[in-house]
């Protein structure tokens, strides 16, 4: 194969992967009807850009909580997260949904950073 054929194949492969990913994100968005409100995520990166502009991530989450309320949903890359930004709401979530939180697995990033044995969730 010559270089132009390989280049064309590469572009078609990348475009196919992106279209597939976009199709999956739109297909799963209809099943998220019960999720709390939150900023609209971008394809592939989610709401990661909404967390910038502040010196610390918790400042950005406090800014988002003023707009979306004390409980909001964020998509961080391909991972969906529900953020409880006040102590009373976090206590309520820990009491009401403790059976769901106890069954969560530790992510690879959590293991790599260490201290996952002492994590609350």
C-alpha atoms as a PDB file:
ATOM      1  CA  UNK A   1       0.000   0.000   0.000  1.00  0.00           C
ATOM      2  CA  UNK A   2       1.192   3.486  -0.693  1.00  0.00           C
ATOM      3  CA  UNK A   3       1.239   6.333   1.832  1.00  0.00           C
ATOM      4  CA  UNK A   4      -1.954   8.014   0.596  1.00  0.00           C
ATOM      5  CA  UNK A   5      -3.967   4.801   1.032  1.00  0.00           C
ATOM      6  CA  UNK A   6      -2.687   4.353   4.590  1.00  0.00           C
ATOM      7  CA  UNK A   7      -3.415   7.985   5.366  1.00  0.00           C
ATOM      8  CA  UNK A   8      -6.951   7.643   3.982  1.00  0.00           C
ATOM      9  CA  UNK A   9      -7.485   4.466   6.029  1.00  0.00           C
ATOM     10  CA  UNK A  10      -6.266   6.257   9.162  1.00  0.00           C
ATOM     11  CA  UNK A  11      -8.665   9.174   8.645  1.00  0.00           C
ATOM     12  CA  UNK A  12     -11.615   6.861   8.023  1.00  0.00           C
ATOM     13  CA  UNK A  13     -10.754   4.850  11.149  1.00  0.00           C
ATOM     14  CA  UNK A  14     -10.532   7.948  13.351  1.00  0.00           C
ATOM     15  CA  UNK A  15     -13.776   9.361  11.932  1.00  0.00           C
ATOM     16  CA  UNK A  16     -15.532   6.028  12.489  1.00  0.00           C
ATOM     17  CA  UNK A  17     -14.372   5.878  16.107  1.00  0.00           C
ATOM     18  CA  UNK A  18     -15.531   9.449  16.763  1.00  0.00           C
ATOM     19  CA  UNK A  19     -18.928   8.838  15.182  1.00  0.00           C
ATOM     20  CA  UNK A  20     -19.341   5.648  17.199  1.00  0.00           C
ATOM     21  CA  UNK A  21     -18.451   7.494  20.413  1.00  0.00           C
ATOM     22  CA  UNK A  22     -20.872  10.313  19.619  1.00  0.00           C
ATOM     23  CA  UNK A  23     -23.594   7.771  18.851  1.00  0.00           C
ATOM     24  CA  UNK A  24     -23.038   6.097  22.219  1.00  0.00           C
ATOM     25  CA  UNK A  25     -23.131   9.406  24.103  1.00  0.00           C
ATOM     26  CA  UNK A  26     -26.422  10.442  22.486  1.00  0.00           C
ATOM     27  CA  UNK A  27     -27.911   6.988  23.014  1.00  0.00           C
ATOM     28  CA  UNK A  28     -27.110   6.956  26.732  1.00  0.00           C
ATOM     29  CA  UNK A  29     -28.254  10.546  27.297  1.00  0.00           C
ATOM     30  CA  UNK A  30     -31.914   9.488  27.092  1.00  0.00           C
ATOM     31  CA  UNK A  31     -31.373   7.031  29.953  1.00  0.00           C
ATOM     32  CA  UNK A  32     -30.005   9.826  32.150  1.00  0.00           C
ATOM     33  CA  UNK A  33     -33.449  11.360  32.714  1.00  0.00           C
ATOM     34  CA  UNK A  34     -33.192  10.779  36.470  1.00  0.00           C
ATOM     35  CA  UNK A  35     -29.814  12.452  36.855  1.00  0.00           C
ATOM     36  CA  UNK A  36     -29.540  15.748  38.744  1.00  0.00           C
ATOM     37  CA  UNK A  37     -29.094  18.936  36.715  1.00  0.00           C
ATOM     38  CA  UNK A  38     -25.645  19.994  35.630  1.00  0.00           C
ATOM     39  CA  UNK A  39     -23.741  21.763  32.887  1.00  0.00           C
ATOM     40  CA  UNK A  40     -24.036  20.335  29.386  1.00  0.00           C
ATOM     41  CA  UNK A  41     -21.059  18.036  28.694  1.00  0.00           C
ATOM     42  CA  UNK A  42     -18.945  18.226  25.569  1.00  0.00           C
ATOM     43  CA  UNK A  43     -18.382  15.056  23.549  1.00  0.00           C
ATOM     44  CA  UNK A  44     -15.360  13.000  24.674  1.00  0.00           C
ATOM     45  CA  UNK A  45     -14.120  15.407  27.390  1.00  0.00           C
ATOM     46  CA  UNK A  46     -17.368  16.019  29.246  1.00  0.00           C
ATOM     47  CA  UNK A  47     -17.315  18.852  31.787  1.00  0.00           C
ATOM     48  CA  UNK A  48     -13.575  18.950  32.409  1.00  0.00           C
ATOM     49  CA  UNK A  49     -13.350  22.453  30.920  1.00  0.00           C
ATOM     50  CA  UNK A  50     -15.984  23.675  33.410  1.00  0.00           C
ATOM     51  CA  UNK A  51     -13.532  22.942  36.237  1.00  0.00           C
ATOM     52  CA  UNK A  52     -10.851  25.293  34.957  1.00  0.00           C
ATOM     53  CA  UNK A  53     -10.425  28.965  35.766  1.00  0.00           C
ATOM     54  CA  UNK A  54     -10.191  28.515  39.534  1.00  0.00           C
ATOM     55  CA  UNK A  55      -7.083  27.892  41.663  1.00  0.00           C
ATOM     56  CA  UNK A  56      -8.581  24.731  43.200  1.00  0.00           C
ATOM     57  CA  UNK A  57     -11.186  22.258  41.904  1.00  0.00           C
ATOM     58  CA  UNK A  58     -13.479  22.768  44.903  1.00  0.00           C
ATOM     59  CA  UNK A  59     -13.742  26.477  44.034  1.00  0.00           C
ATOM     60  CA  UNK A  60     -14.936  25.549  40.548  1.00  0.00           C
ATOM     61  CA  UNK A  61     -17.431  23.080  42.031  1.00  0.00           C
ATOM     62  CA  UNK A  62     -18.743  25.802  44.380  1.00  0.00           C
ATOM     63  CA  UNK A  63     -19.166  28.125  41.386  1.00  0.00           C
ATOM     64  CA  UNK A  64     -21.078  25.431  39.503  1.00  0.00           C
ATOM     65  CA  UNK A  65     -23.222  24.729  42.589  1.00  0.00           C
ATOM     66  CA  UNK A  66     -24.420  28.344  42.590  1.00  0.00           C
ATOM     67  CA  UNK A  67     -25.828  27.750  39.112  1.00  0.00           C
ATOM     68  CA  UNK A  68     -26.995  24.129  39.262  1.00  0.00           C
ATOM     69  CA  UNK A  69     -27.830  23.611  42.939  1.00  0.00           C
ATOM     70  CA  UNK A  70     -26.278  21.559  45.753  1.00  0.00           C
ATOM     71  CA  UNK A  71     -26.557  18.271  43.819  1.00  0.00           C
ATOM     72  CA  UNK A  72     -25.332  18.211  40.222  1.00  0.00           C
ATOM     73  CA  UNK A  73     -24.156  15.713  37.671  1.00  0.00           C
ATOM     74  CA  UNK A  74     -20.887  16.076  35.797  1.00  0.00           C
ATOM     75  CA  UNK A  75     -19.277  14.002  33.103  1.00  0.00           C
ATOM     76  CA  UNK A  76     -15.517  13.855  33.582  1.00  0.00           C
ATOM     77  CA  UNK A  77     -14.206  12.350  30.387  1.00  0.00           C
ATOM     78  CA  UNK A  78     -16.245   9.189  30.017  1.00  0.00           C
ATOM     79  CA  UNK A  79     -17.114   8.868  33.716  1.00  0.00           C
ATOM     80  CA  UNK A  80     -20.381  10.208  35.095  1.00  0.00           C
ATOM     81  CA  UNK A  81     -20.206  11.768  38.552  1.00  0.00           C
ATOM     82  CA  UNK A  82     -22.823  13.128  40.924  1.00  0.00           C
ATOM     83  CA  UNK A  83     -21.494  15.937  43.124  1.00  0.00           C
ATOM     84  CA  UNK A  84     -23.055  16.828  46.484  1.00  0.00           C
ATOM     85  CA  UNK A  85     -21.671  20.256  47.324  1.00  0.00           C
ATOM     86  CA  UNK A  86     -23.129  20.918  50.761  1.00  0.00           C
ATOM     87  CA  UNK A  87     -22.584  19.038  54.000  1.00  0.00           C
ATOM     88  CA  UNK A  88     -26.274  18.388  54.630  1.00  0.00           C
ATOM     89  CA  UNK A  89     -26.847  17.014  51.128  1.00  0.00           C
ATOM     90  CA  UNK A  90     -23.695  14.881  51.316  1.00  0.00           C
ATOM     91  CA  UNK A  91     -24.866  13.454  54.661  1.00  0.00           C
ATOM     92  CA  UNK A  92     -28.285  12.688  53.170  1.00  0.00           C
ATOM     93  CA  UNK A  93     -26.706  10.968  50.151  1.00  0.00           C
ATOM     94  CA  UNK A  94     -24.409   8.889  52.367  1.00  0.00           C
ATOM     95  CA  UNK A  95     -27.351   7.768  54.519  1.00  0.00           C
ATOM     96  CA  UNK A  96     -29.904   7.195  51.774  1.00  0.00           C
ATOM     97  CA  UNK A  97     -27.677   5.575  49.129  1.00  0.00           C
ATOM     98  CA  UNK A  98     -25.075   3.830  51.285  1.00  0.00           C
ATOM     99  CA  UNK A  99     -25.875   0.419  49.758  1.00  0.00           C
ATOM    100  CA  UNK A 100     -25.045   1.725  46.281  1.00  0.00           C
ATOM    101  CA  UNK A 101     -21.873   3.503  47.363  1.00  0.00           C
ATOM    102  CA  UNK A 102     -20.541   0.459  49.223  1.00  0.00           C
ATOM    103  CA  UNK A 103     -20.620  -1.654  46.053  1.00  0.00           C
ATOM    104  CA  UNK A 104     -18.482   0.741  44.006  1.00  0.00           C
ATOM    105  CA  UNK A 105     -15.110  -0.471  42.821  1.00  0.00           C
ATOM    106  CA  UNK A 106     -11.917   1.514  43.258  1.00  0.00           C
ATOM    107  CA  UNK A 107     -10.730   3.051  40.002  1.00  0.00           C
ATOM    108  CA  UNK A 108      -7.242   2.500  38.638  1.00  0.00           C
ATOM    109  CA  UNK A 109      -6.493   6.188  39.175  1.00  0.00           C
ATOM    110  CA  UNK A 110      -7.506   5.864  42.821  1.00  0.00           C
ATOM    111  CA  UNK A 111      -5.183   2.915  43.285  1.00  0.00           C
ATOM    112  CA  UNK A 112      -2.331   4.726  41.548  1.00  0.00           C
ATOM    113  CA  UNK A 113      -2.671   7.754  43.816  1.00  0.00           C
ATOM    114  CA  UNK A 114      -2.725   5.565  46.918  1.00  0.00           C
ATOM    115  CA  UNK A 115      -4.780   5.996  50.079  1.00  0.00           C
ATOM    116  CA  UNK A 116      -7.722   4.219  48.435  1.00  0.00           C
ATOM    117  CA  UNK A 117      -8.014   2.064  51.551  1.00  0.00           C
ATOM    118  CA  UNK A 118      -8.972   5.179  53.546  1.00  0.00           C
ATOM    119  CA  UNK A 119     -11.422   6.631  51.033  1.00  0.00           C
ATOM    120  CA  UNK A 120     -14.990   7.306  52.090  1.00  0.00           C
ATOM    121  CA  UNK A 121     -16.295   6.237  48.681  1.00  0.00           C
END
